[in-house]
Amino acid sequence: MREDEERRQVDWALEHARELAEQEEQLRQRQDFNKGLHLESAQLTVSHELTRAFAFSYMQLIHSFGLKASAQKPHDSESRLYQT
């Protein structure tokens, strides 16, 4: 009977650890998205002098399509657009 109780406690601890790991992964994904949103917003605002509202709606649109915000440098042909 004591072994059953210990096994239940171990099972509960493992399940709790899995839940915490999943929550951490979700938090990391949200942080990554927010970081991308911030970077893209800053790039758009500076390079195209767009409003924050437009940049935010642009990022929401990208996210709704399941795409990731680009934090990469633009191609050489586009570099004049991204000069700061």
PDB file of N, CA and C in Angstrom:
ATOM      1  N   MET A   1       0.820  -1.184   0.000  1.00  0.00           N
ATOM      2  CA  MET A   1       0.000   0.000   0.000  1.00  0.00           C
ATOM      3  C   MET A   1       0.877   1.266   0.000  1.00  0.00           C
ATOM      4  N   ARG A   2       1.933   1.255   0.740  1.00  0.00           N
ATOM      5  CA  ARG A   2       2.849   2.394   0.781  1.00  0.00           C
ATOM      6  C   ARG A   2       3.501   2.606  -0.599  1.00  0.00           C
ATOM      7  N   GLU A   3       3.806   1.508  -1.283  1.00  0.00           N
ATOM      8  CA  GLU A   3       4.399   1.608  -2.614  1.00  0.00           C
ATOM      9  C   GLU A   3       3.427   2.264  -3.596  1.00  0.00           C
ATOM     10  N   ASP A   4       2.144   1.932  -3.464  1.00  0.00           N
ATOM     11  CA  ASP A   4       1.137   2.546  -4.335  1.00  0.00           C
ATOM     12  C   ASP A   4       1.076   4.057  -4.119  1.00  0.00           C
ATOM     13  N   GLU A   5       1.123   4.462  -2.869  1.00  0.00           N
ATOM     14  CA  GLU A   5       1.085   5.892  -2.553  1.00  0.00           C
ATOM     15  C   GLU A   5       2.328   6.595  -3.099  1.00  0.00           C
ATOM     16  N   GLU A   6       3.481   5.979  -2.937  1.00  0.00           N
ATOM     17  CA  GLU A   6       4.717   6.563  -3.472  1.00  0.00           C
ATOM     18  C   GLU A   6       4.655   6.654  -4.992  1.00  0.00           C
ATOM     19  N   ARG A   7       4.116   5.629  -5.636  1.00  0.00           N
ATOM     20  CA  ARG A   7       3.997   5.623  -7.094  1.00  0.00           C
ATOM     21  C   ARG A   7       3.049   6.738  -7.547  1.00  0.00           C
ATOM     22  N   ARG A   8       1.950   6.959  -6.829  1.00  0.00           N
ATOM     23  CA  ARG A   8       1.021   8.030  -7.164  1.00  0.00           C
ATOM     24  C   ARG A   8       1.695   9.399  -7.010  1.00  0.00           C
ATOM     25  N   GLN A   9       2.490   9.538  -5.973  1.00  0.00           N
ATOM     26  CA  GLN A   9       3.195  10.800  -5.768  1.00  0.00           C
ATOM     27  C   GLN A   9       4.214  11.060  -6.877  1.00  0.00           C
ATOM     28  N   VAL A  10       4.917  10.009  -7.271  1.00  0.00           N
ATOM     29  CA  VAL A  10       5.887  10.142  -8.354  1.00  0.00           C
ATOM     30  C   VAL A  10       5.165  10.479  -9.655  1.00  0.00           C
ATOM     31  N   ASP A  11       4.053   9.786  -9.918  1.00  0.00           N
ATOM     32  CA  ASP A  11       3.277  10.074 -11.124  1.00  0.00           C
ATOM     33  C   ASP A  11       2.773  11.514 -11.127  1.00  0.00           C
ATOM     34  N   TRP A  12       2.293  11.975  -9.961  1.00  0.00           N
ATOM     35  CA  TRP A  12       1.810  13.350  -9.858  1.00  0.00           C
ATOM     36  C   TRP A  12       2.947  14.333 -10.108  1.00  0.00           C
ATOM     37  N   ALA A  13       4.106  14.058  -9.536  1.00  0.00           N
ATOM     38  CA  ALA A  13       5.261  14.939  -9.709  1.00  0.00           C
ATOM     39  C   ALA A  13       5.695  14.988 -11.176  1.00  0.00           C
ATOM     40  N   LEU A  14       5.686  13.845 -11.844  1.00  0.00           N
ATOM     41  CA  LEU A  14       6.059  13.812 -13.261  1.00  0.00           C
ATOM     42  C   LEU A  14       5.057  14.591 -14.106  1.00  0.00           C
ATOM     43  N   GLU A  15       3.786  14.416 -13.824  1.00  0.00           N
ATOM     44  CA  GLU A  15       2.749  15.134 -14.568  1.00  0.00           C
ATOM     45  C   GLU A  15       2.870  16.639 -14.323  1.00  0.00           C
ATOM     46  N   HIS A  16       3.112  17.005 -13.082  1.00  0.00           N
ATOM     47  CA  HIS A  16       3.287  18.418 -12.748  1.00  0.00           C
ATOM     48  C   HIS A  16       4.506  18.991 -13.475  1.00  0.00           C
ATOM     49  N   ALA A  17       5.583  18.247 -13.525  1.00  0.00           N
ATOM     50  CA  ALA A  17       6.791  18.691 -14.229  1.00  0.00           C
ATOM     51  C   ALA A  17       6.512  18.860 -15.724  1.00  0.00           C
ATOM     52  N   ARG A  18       5.742  17.937 -16.306  1.00  0.00           N
ATOM     53  CA  ARG A  18       5.377  18.050 -17.731  1.00  0.00           C
ATOM     54  C   ARG A  18       4.547  19.309 -17.973  1.00  0.00           C
ATOM     55  N   GLU A  19       3.589  19.572 -17.098  1.00  0.00           N
ATOM     56  CA  GLU A  19       2.752  20.767 -17.232  1.00  0.00           C
ATOM     57  C   GLU A  19       3.585  22.039 -17.138  1.00  0.00           C
ATOM     58  N   LEU A  20       4.511  22.067 -16.195  1.00  0.00           N
ATOM     59  CA  LEU A  20       5.377  23.239 -16.052  1.00  0.00           C
ATOM     60  C   LEU A  20       6.264  23.434 -17.282  1.00  0.00           C
ATOM     61  N   ALA A  21       6.776  22.343 -17.807  1.00  0.00           N
ATOM     62  CA  ALA A  21       7.614  22.433 -19.010  1.00  0.00           C
ATOM     63  C   ALA A  21       6.792  22.960 -20.188  1.00  0.00           C
ATOM     64  N   GLU A  22       5.560  22.510 -20.308  1.00  0.00           N
ATOM     65  CA  GLU A  22       4.683  22.984 -21.384  1.00  0.00           C
ATOM     66  C   GLU A  22       4.375  24.469 -21.211  1.00  0.00           C
ATOM     67  N   GLN A  23       4.111  24.893 -19.985  1.00  0.00           N
ATOM     68  CA  GLN A  23       3.847  26.307 -19.723  1.00  0.00           C
ATOM     69  C   GLN A  23       5.073  27.160 -20.031  1.00  0.00           C
ATOM     70  N   GLU A  24       6.254  26.664 -19.681  1.00  0.00           N
ATOM     71  CA  GLU A  24       7.485  27.391 -19.981  1.00  0.00           C
ATOM     72  C   GLU A  24       7.688  27.524 -21.486  1.00  0.00           C
ATOM     73  N   GLU A  25       7.389  26.470 -22.229  1.00  0.00           N
ATOM     74  CA  GLU A  25       7.526  26.500 -23.682  1.00  0.00           C
ATOM     75  C   GLU A  25       6.547  27.514 -24.283  1.00  0.00           C
ATOM     76  N   GLN A  26       5.309  27.528 -23.793  1.00  0.00           N
ATOM     77  CA  GLN A  26       4.331  28.496 -24.276  1.00  0.00           C
ATOM     78  C   GLN A  26       4.781  29.923 -23.969  1.00  0.00           C
ATOM     79  N   LEU A  27       5.326  30.133 -22.777  1.00  0.00           N
ATOM     80  CA  LEU A  27       5.829  31.449 -22.403  1.00  0.00           C
ATOM     81  C   LEU A  27       6.991  31.854 -23.304  1.00  0.00           C
ATOM     82  N   ARG A  28       7.889  30.932 -23.571  1.00  0.00           N
ATOM     83  CA  ARG A  28       9.030  31.225 -24.447  1.00  0.00           C
ATOM     84  C   ARG A  28       8.558  31.609 -25.846  1.00  0.00           C
ATOM     85  N   GLN A  29       7.547  30.879 -26.345  1.00  0.00           N
ATOM     86  CA  GLN A  29       7.013  31.193 -27.673  1.00  0.00           C
ATOM     87  C   GLN A  29       6.376  32.575 -27.700  1.00  0.00           C
ATOM     88  N   ARG A  30       5.629  32.913 -26.642  1.00  0.00           N
ATOM     89  CA  ARG A  30       5.028  34.250 -26.566  1.00  0.00           C
ATOM     90  C   ARG A  30       6.101  35.320 -26.493  1.00  0.00           C
ATOM     91  N   GLN A  31       7.152  35.058 -25.715  1.00  0.00           N
ATOM     92  CA  GLN A  31       8.244  36.029 -25.604  1.00  0.00           C
ATOM     93  C   GLN A  31       8.962  36.196 -26.936  1.00  0.00           C
ATOM     94  N   ASP A  32       9.176  35.086 -27.642  1.00  0.00           N
ATOM     95  CA  ASP A  32       9.818  35.163 -28.950  1.00  0.00           C
ATOM     96  C   ASP A  32       8.965  35.975 -29.924  1.00  0.00           C
ATOM     97  N   PHE A  33       7.648  35.731 -29.902  1.00  0.00           N
ATOM     98  CA  PHE A  33       6.757  36.481 -30.784  1.00  0.00           C
ATOM     99  C   PHE A  33       6.777  37.959 -30.429  1.00  0.00           C
ATOM    100  N   ASN A  34       6.696  38.260 -29.131  1.00  0.00           N
ATOM    101  CA  ASN A  34       6.711  39.663 -28.712  1.00  0.00           C
ATOM    102  C   ASN A  34       8.026  40.345 -29.069  1.00  0.00           C
ATOM    103  N   LYS A  35       9.123  39.614 -28.942  1.00  0.00           N
ATOM    104  CA  LYS A  35      10.414  40.173 -29.324  1.00  0.00           C
ATOM    105  C   LYS A  35      10.438  40.467 -30.824  1.00  0.00           C
ATOM    106  N   GLY A  36       9.960  39.519 -31.612  1.00  0.00           N
ATOM    107  CA  GLY A  36       9.879  39.730 -33.059  1.00  0.00           C
ATOM    108  C   GLY A  36       8.970  40.895 -33.400  1.00  0.00           C
ATOM    109  N   LEU A  37       7.854  40.997 -32.693  1.00  0.00           N
ATOM    110  CA  LEU A  37       6.928  42.105 -32.899  1.00  0.00           C
ATOM    111  C   LEU A  37       7.620  43.434 -32.605  1.00  0.00           C
ATOM    112  N   HIS A  38       8.340  43.479 -31.507  1.00  0.00           N
ATOM    113  CA  HIS A  38       9.039  44.705 -31.139  1.00  0.00           C
ATOM    114  C   HIS A  38      10.105  45.067 -32.173  1.00  0.00           C
ATOM    115  N   LEU A  39      10.909  44.084 -32.582  1.00  0.00           N
ATOM    116  CA  LEU A  39      11.958  44.350 -33.571  1.00  0.00           C
ATOM    117  C   LEU A  39      11.373  44.821 -34.897  1.00  0.00           C
ATOM    118  N   GLU A  40      10.356  44.110 -35.359  1.00  0.00           N
ATOM    119  CA  GLU A  40       9.735  44.458 -36.637  1.00  0.00           C
ATOM    120  C   GLU A  40       9.069  45.829 -36.547  1.00  0.00           C
ATOM    121  N   SER A  41       8.433  46.091 -35.426  1.00  0.00           N
ATOM    122  CA  SER A  41       7.793  47.384 -35.227  1.00  0.00           C
ATOM    123  C   SER A  41       8.824  48.507 -35.260  1.00  0.00           C
ATOM    124  N   ALA A  42       9.925  48.299 -34.575  1.00  0.00           N
ATOM    125  CA  ALA A  42      10.975  49.313 -34.560  1.00  0.00           C
ATOM    126  C   ALA A  42      11.537  49.525 -35.958  1.00  0.00           C
ATOM    127  N   GLN A  43      11.753  48.445 -36.694  1.00  0.00           N
ATOM    128  CA  GLN A  43      12.280  48.570 -38.050  1.00  0.00           C
ATOM    129  C   GLN A  43      11.302  49.310 -38.953  1.00  0.00           C
ATOM    130  N   LEU A  44      10.029  48.941 -38.867  1.00  0.00           N
ATOM    131  CA  LEU A  44       9.037  49.592 -39.718  1.00  0.00           C
ATOM    132  C   LEU A  44       8.862  51.060 -39.348  1.00  0.00           C
ATOM    133  N   THR A  45       8.830  51.327 -38.065  1.00  0.00           N
ATOM    134  CA  THR A  45       8.621  52.702 -37.616  1.00  0.00           C
ATOM    135  C   THR A  45       9.766  53.595 -38.054  1.00  0.00           C
ATOM    136  N   VAL A  46      10.982  53.115 -37.884  1.00  0.00           N
ATOM    137  CA  VAL A  46      12.145  53.923 -38.248  1.00  0.00           C
ATOM    138  C   VAL A  46      12.301  53.996 -39.758  1.00  0.00           C
ATOM    139  N   SER A  47      12.209  52.874 -40.424  1.00  0.00           N
ATOM    140  CA  SER A  47      12.520  52.858 -41.849  1.00  0.00           C
ATOM    141  C   SER A  47      11.417  53.434 -42.718  1.00  0.00           C
ATOM    142  N   HIS A  48      10.194  53.292 -42.320  1.00  0.00           N
ATOM    143  CA  HIS A  48       9.088  53.765 -43.151  1.00  0.00           C
ATOM    144  C   HIS A  48       8.274  54.863 -42.480  1.00  0.00           C
ATOM    145  N   GLU A  49       8.691  55.246 -41.288  1.00  0.00           N
ATOM    146  CA  GLU A  49       7.998  56.263 -40.518  1.00  0.00           C
ATOM    147  C   GLU A  49       6.509  55.953 -40.403  1.00  0.00           C
ATOM    148  N   LEU A  50       6.225  54.707 -40.039  1.00  0.00           N
ATOM    149  CA  LEU A  50       4.844  54.272 -39.857  1.00  0.00           C
ATOM    150  C   LEU A  50       4.440  54.414 -38.399  1.00  0.00           C
ATOM    151  N   THR A  51       3.160  54.473 -38.165  1.00  0.00           N
ATOM    152  CA  THR A  51       2.683  54.577 -36.791  1.00  0.00           C
ATOM    153  C   THR A  51       2.822  53.244 -36.080  1.00  0.00           C
ATOM    154  N   ARG A  52       2.829  53.293 -34.767  1.00  0.00           N
ATOM    155  CA  ARG A  52       2.906  52.072 -33.966  1.00  0.00           C
ATOM    156  C   ARG A  52       1.677  51.207 -34.208  1.00  0.00           C
ATOM    157  N   ALA A  53       0.518  51.831 -34.379  1.00  0.00           N
ATOM    158  CA  ALA A  53      -0.720  51.073 -34.608  1.00  0.00           C
ATOM    159  C   ALA A  53      -0.623  50.271 -35.905  1.00  0.00           C
ATOM    160  N   PHE A  54      -0.080  50.882 -36.950  1.00  0.00           N
ATOM    161  CA  PHE A  54       0.075  50.154 -38.200  1.00  0.00           C
ATOM    162  C   PHE A  54       1.044  49.000 -38.042  1.00  0.00           C
ATOM    163  N   ALA A  55       2.159  49.257 -37.391  1.00  0.00           N
ATOM    164  CA  ALA A  55       3.150  48.203 -37.192  1.00  0.00           C
ATOM    165  C   ALA A  55       2.552  47.050 -36.392  1.00  0.00           C
ATOM    166  N   PHE A  56       1.777  47.360 -35.373  1.00  0.00           N
ATOM    167  CA  PHE A  56       1.152  46.307 -34.570  1.00  0.00           C
ATOM    168  C   PHE A  56       0.162  45.507 -35.412  1.00  0.00           C
ATOM    169  N   SER A  57      -0.688  46.187 -36.183  1.00  0.00           N
ATOM    170  CA  SER A  57      -1.666  45.462 -36.994  1.00  0.00           C
ATOM    171  C   SER A  57      -0.965  44.628 -38.066  1.00  0.00           C
ATOM    172  N   TYR A  58       0.144  45.130 -38.580  1.00  0.00           N
ATOM    173  CA  TYR A  58       0.937  44.372 -39.547  1.00  0.00           C
ATOM    174  C   TYR A  58       1.452  43.086 -38.924  1.00  0.00           C
ATOM    175  N   MET A  59       1.957  43.182 -37.697  1.00  0.00           N
ATOM    176  CA  MET A  59       2.479  41.996 -37.018  1.00  0.00           C
ATOM    177  C   MET A  59       1.351  41.023 -36.674  1.00  0.00           C
ATOM    178  N   GLN A  60       0.204  41.544 -36.299  1.00  0.00           N
ATOM    179  CA  GLN A  60      -0.946  40.672 -36.028  1.00  0.00           C
ATOM    180  C   GLN A  60      -1.343  39.919 -37.296  1.00  0.00           C
ATOM    181  N   LEU A  61      -1.315  40.592 -38.422  1.00  0.00           N
ATOM    182  CA  LEU A  61      -1.643  39.955 -39.702  1.00  0.00           C
ATOM    183  C   LEU A  61      -0.636  38.855 -40.010  1.00  0.00           C
ATOM    184  N   ILE A  62       0.638  39.140 -39.839  1.00  0.00           N
ATOM    185  CA  ILE A  62       1.669  38.120 -40.071  1.00  0.00           C
ATOM    186  C   ILE A  62       1.433  36.924 -39.154  1.00  0.00           C
ATOM    187  N   HIS A  63       1.157  37.208 -37.893  1.00  0.00           N
ATOM    188  CA  HIS A  63       0.917  36.129 -36.928  1.00  0.00           C
ATOM    189  C   HIS A  63      -0.332  35.327 -37.298  1.00  0.00           C
ATOM    190  N   SER A  64      -1.370  35.995 -37.786  1.00  0.00           N
ATOM    191  CA  SER A  64      -2.605  35.286 -38.139  1.00  0.00           C
ATOM    192  C   SER A  64      -2.385  34.335 -39.316  1.00  0.00           C
ATOM    193  N   PHE A  65      -1.416  34.648 -40.171  1.00  0.00           N
ATOM    194  CA  PHE A  65      -1.075  33.760 -41.275  1.00  0.00           C
ATOM    195  C   PHE A  65      -0.139  32.634 -40.844  1.00  0.00           C
ATOM    196  N   GLY A  66       0.269  32.661 -39.565  1.00  0.00           N
ATOM    197  CA  GLY A  66       1.149  31.625 -39.048  1.00  0.00           C
ATOM    198  C   GLY A  66       2.602  31.836 -39.417  1.00  0.00           C
ATOM    199  N   LEU A  67       2.952  33.051 -39.812  1.00  0.00           N
ATOM    200  CA  LEU A  67       4.324  33.357 -40.182  1.00  0.00           C
ATOM    201  C   LEU A  67       5.056  33.928 -38.978  1.00  0.00           C
ATOM    202  N   LYS A  68       6.369  33.892 -39.044  1.00  0.00           N
ATOM    203  CA  LYS A  68       7.177  34.465 -37.976  1.00  0.00           C
ATOM    204  C   LYS A  68       7.710  35.809 -38.441  1.00  0.00           C
ATOM    205  N   ALA A  69       7.833  36.710 -37.492  1.00  0.00           N
ATOM    206  CA  ALA A  69       8.400  38.023 -37.796  1.00  0.00           C
ATOM    207  C   ALA A  69       9.871  37.856 -38.131  1.00  0.00           C
ATOM    208  N   SER A  70      10.297  38.547 -39.143  1.00  0.00           N
ATOM    209  CA  SER A  70      11.683  38.442 -39.582  1.00  0.00           C
ATOM    210  C   SER A  70      12.562  39.372 -38.765  1.00  0.00           C
ATOM    211  N   ALA A  71      13.604  38.808 -38.181  1.00  0.00           N
ATOM    212  CA  ALA A  71      14.583  39.620 -37.465  1.00  0.00           C
ATOM    213  C   ALA A  71      15.892  39.631 -38.251  1.00  0.00           C
ATOM    214  N   GLN A  72      15.826  39.219 -39.517  1.00  0.00           N
ATOM    215  CA  GLN A  72      17.018  39.149 -40.338  1.00  0.00           C
ATOM    216  C   GLN A  72      17.236  40.480 -41.039  1.00  0.00           C
ATOM    217  N   LYS A  73      18.479  40.677 -41.486  1.00  0.00           N
ATOM    218  CA  LYS A  73      18.786  41.864 -42.260  1.00  0.00           C
ATOM    219  C   LYS A  73      18.148  41.728 -43.645  1.00  0.00           C
ATOM    220  N   PRO A  74      17.748  42.836 -44.228  1.00  0.00           N
ATOM    221  CA  PRO A  74      17.148  42.791 -45.566  1.00  0.00           C
ATOM    222  C   PRO A  74      18.212  42.508 -46.627  1.00  0.00           C
ATOM    223  N   HIS A  75      17.735  42.172 -47.801  1.00  0.00           N
ATOM    224  CA  HIS A  75      18.641  41.972 -48.921  1.00  0.00           C
ATOM    225  C   HIS A  75      19.292  43.299 -49.283  1.00  0.00           C
ATOM    226  N   ASP A  76      20.417  43.241 -50.001  1.00  0.00           N
ATOM    227  CA  ASP A  76      21.137  44.459 -50.378  1.00  0.00           C
ATOM    228  C   ASP A  76      20.248  45.418 -51.157  1.00  0.00           C
ATOM    229  N   SER A  77      19.385  44.884 -52.008  1.00  0.00           N
ATOM    230  CA  SER A  77      18.528  45.753 -52.808  1.00  0.00           C
ATOM    231  C   SER A  77      17.532  46.518 -51.950  1.00  0.00           C
ATOM    232  N   GLU A  78      17.278  46.023 -50.750  1.00  0.00           N
ATOM    233  CA  GLU A  78      16.336  46.680 -49.847  1.00  0.00           C
ATOM    234  C   GLU A  78      17.042  47.491 -48.751  1.00  0.00           C
ATOM    235  N   SER A  79      18.354  47.469 -48.733  1.00  0.00           N
ATOM    236  CA  SER A  79      19.070  48.060 -47.608  1.00  0.00           C
ATOM    237  C   SER A  79      18.810  49.550 -47.472  1.00  0.00           C
ATOM    238  N   ARG A  80      18.542  50.240 -48.576  1.00  0.00           N
ATOM    239  CA  ARG A  80      18.299  51.666 -48.485  1.00  0.00           C
ATOM    240  C   ARG A  80      17.025  51.959 -47.692  1.00  0.00           C
ATOM    241  N   LEU A  81      16.107  50.999 -47.634  1.00  0.00           N
ATOM    242  CA  LEU A  81      14.857  51.181 -46.900  1.00  0.00           C
ATOM    243  C   LEU A  81      15.064  51.044 -45.398  1.00  0.00           C
ATOM    244  N   TYR A  82      16.126  50.376 -44.983  1.00  0.00           N
ATOM    245  CA  TYR A  82      16.331  50.064 -43.582  1.00  0.00           C
ATOM    246  C   TYR A  82      17.464  50.858 -42.954  1.00  0.00           C
ATOM    247  N   GLN A  83      17.893  51.898 -43.584  1.00  0.00           N
ATOM    248  CA  GLN A  83      18.964  52.710 -43.016  1.00  0.00           C
ATOM    249  C   GLN A  83      18.442  53.482 -41.825  1.00  0.00           C
ATOM    250  N   THR A  84      19.260  53.525 -40.763  1.00  0.00           N
ATOM    251  CA  THR A  84      18.833  54.254 -39.554  1.00  0.00           C
ATOM    252  C   THR A  84      19.687  55.464 -39.342  1.00  0.00           C
TER     253      THR A  84
END
